[in-house]
Amino acid sequence: MANKRTLKRAINMICEEIFAEAIAASLYGNQVNDDNAEGLLYAIIKMQSDFVSRISHPEPGLTPKAYYKKLREDFTSQASEIIDQINNL
């Protein structure tokens, strides 16, 4: 497991890249749907703050290795869902 600081930086960097892609897709996409774009941007920001706070405050009862493995899997799946939504803009 990487240390918490490295994990937070990685999550922040990935969320920044996804955010930039969402803005570019909303500005240069063929279909203009501002409500979907705004909702998607809000979801990215919420995902970033949620996962960074989950790093700082792990759930009791799980071993650290299992907790952070599950956290990475959850982040990957949620980021993939958002990327799929960006592709559909």
Protein backbone atom coordinates (compact mmCIF):
# COMPACT_ATOMS: atom_id res chain seq x y z
CA MET A 1 0.00 0.00 0.00
CA ALA A 2 1.24 3.46 -0.82
CA ASN A 3 1.20 6.04 1.89
CA LYS A 4 -1.87 8.21 2.32
CA ARG A 5 -0.29 11.29 0.82
CA THR A 6 0.59 9.48 -2.41
CA LEU A 7 -2.86 7.96 -2.62
CA LYS A 8 -4.51 11.37 -2.14
CA ARG A 9 -2.30 12.92 -4.83
CA ALA A 10 -3.18 10.13 -7.25
CA ILE A 11 -6.90 10.54 -6.62
CA ASN A 12 -6.68 14.32 -6.99
CA MET A 13 -4.70 14.02 -10.22
CA ILE A 14 -7.11 11.50 -11.74
CA CYS A 15 -10.13 13.59 -10.76
CA GLU A 16 -8.53 16.72 -12.26
CA GLU A 17 -7.96 14.88 -15.54
CA ILE A 18 -11.53 13.55 -15.60
CA PHE A 19 -12.84 17.04 -14.79
CA ALA A 20 -10.85 18.57 -17.66
CA GLU A 21 -12.11 15.90 -20.05
CA ALA A 22 -15.70 16.53 -18.95
CA ILE A 23 -15.35 20.26 -19.56
CA ALA A 24 -13.79 19.68 -22.97
CA ALA A 25 -16.52 17.20 -23.92
CA SER A 26 -19.26 19.61 -22.83
CA LEU A 27 -17.73 22.52 -24.74
CA TYR A 28 -16.76 20.73 -27.93
CA GLY A 29 -19.32 17.93 -28.07
CA ASN A 30 -21.99 17.72 -30.72
CA GLN A 31 -24.94 17.71 -28.37
CA VAL A 32 -25.32 20.55 -25.90
CA ASN A 33 -26.95 19.47 -22.66
CA ASP A 34 -25.86 21.78 -19.86
CA ASP A 35 -27.78 19.96 -17.14
CA ASN A 36 -25.99 16.67 -17.80
CA ALA A 37 -22.61 18.41 -17.98
CA GLU A 38 -23.18 20.29 -14.72
CA GLY A 39 -24.38 17.16 -12.97
CA LEU A 40 -21.35 15.26 -14.21
CA LEU A 41 -18.95 17.96 -13.01
CA TYR A 42 -20.66 17.99 -9.63
CA ALA A 43 -20.38 14.19 -9.44
CA ILE A 44 -16.63 14.38 -10.14
CA ILE A 45 -16.06 16.94 -7.40
CA LYS A 46 -18.19 14.96 -4.95
CA MET A 47 -16.33 11.75 -5.81
CA GLN A 48 -12.98 13.44 -5.22
CA SER A 49 -13.92 14.84 -1.83
CA ASP A 50 -15.57 11.57 -0.78
CA PHE A 51 -12.56 9.40 -1.58
CA VAL A 52 -10.02 11.81 -0.09
CA SER A 53 -12.00 11.91 3.15
CA ARG A 54 -12.27 8.10 3.11
CA ILE A 55 -8.48 7.92 2.97
CA SER A 56 -8.15 10.15 6.02
CA HIS A 57 -10.79 8.35 8.06
CA PRO A 58 -10.69 4.58 7.49
CA GLU A 59 -13.55 2.40 8.64
CA PRO A 60 -12.92 0.46 11.83
CA GLY A 61 -13.11 -3.31 11.73
CA LEU A 62 -11.21 -3.87 8.49
CA THR A 63 -7.53 -4.45 8.16
CA PRO A 64 -5.78 -1.50 6.50
CA LYS A 65 -4.71 -3.61 3.54
CA ALA A 66 -8.26 -4.81 2.86
CA TYR A 67 -9.74 -1.35 3.42
CA TYR A 68 -7.43 0.43 0.98
CA LYS A 69 -7.78 -2.35 -1.59
CA LYS A 70 -11.56 -1.95 -1.47
CA LEU A 71 -11.17 1.83 -1.63
CA ARG A 72 -9.06 1.59 -4.80
CA GLU A 73 -11.55 -0.82 -6.38
CA ASP A 74 -14.48 1.48 -5.53
CA PHE A 75 -12.65 4.50 -6.93
CA THR A 76 -11.76 2.69 -10.13
CA SER A 77 -15.32 1.54 -10.71
CA GLN A 78 -16.82 4.95 -9.99
CA ALA A 79 -14.25 6.71 -12.19
CA SER A 80 -15.00 4.26 -15.01
CA GLU A 81 -18.71 5.02 -14.73
CA ILE A 82 -18.05 8.74 -14.97
CA ILE A 83 -15.75 8.27 -17.95
CA ASP A 84 -18.50 6.28 -19.68
CA GLN A 85 -20.92 9.14 -19.02
CA ILE A 86 -18.43 11.63 -20.48
CA ASN A 87 -18.18 9.51 -23.61
CA ASN A 88 -21.96 9.68 -23.95
CA LEU A 89 -22.10 13.52 -23.77
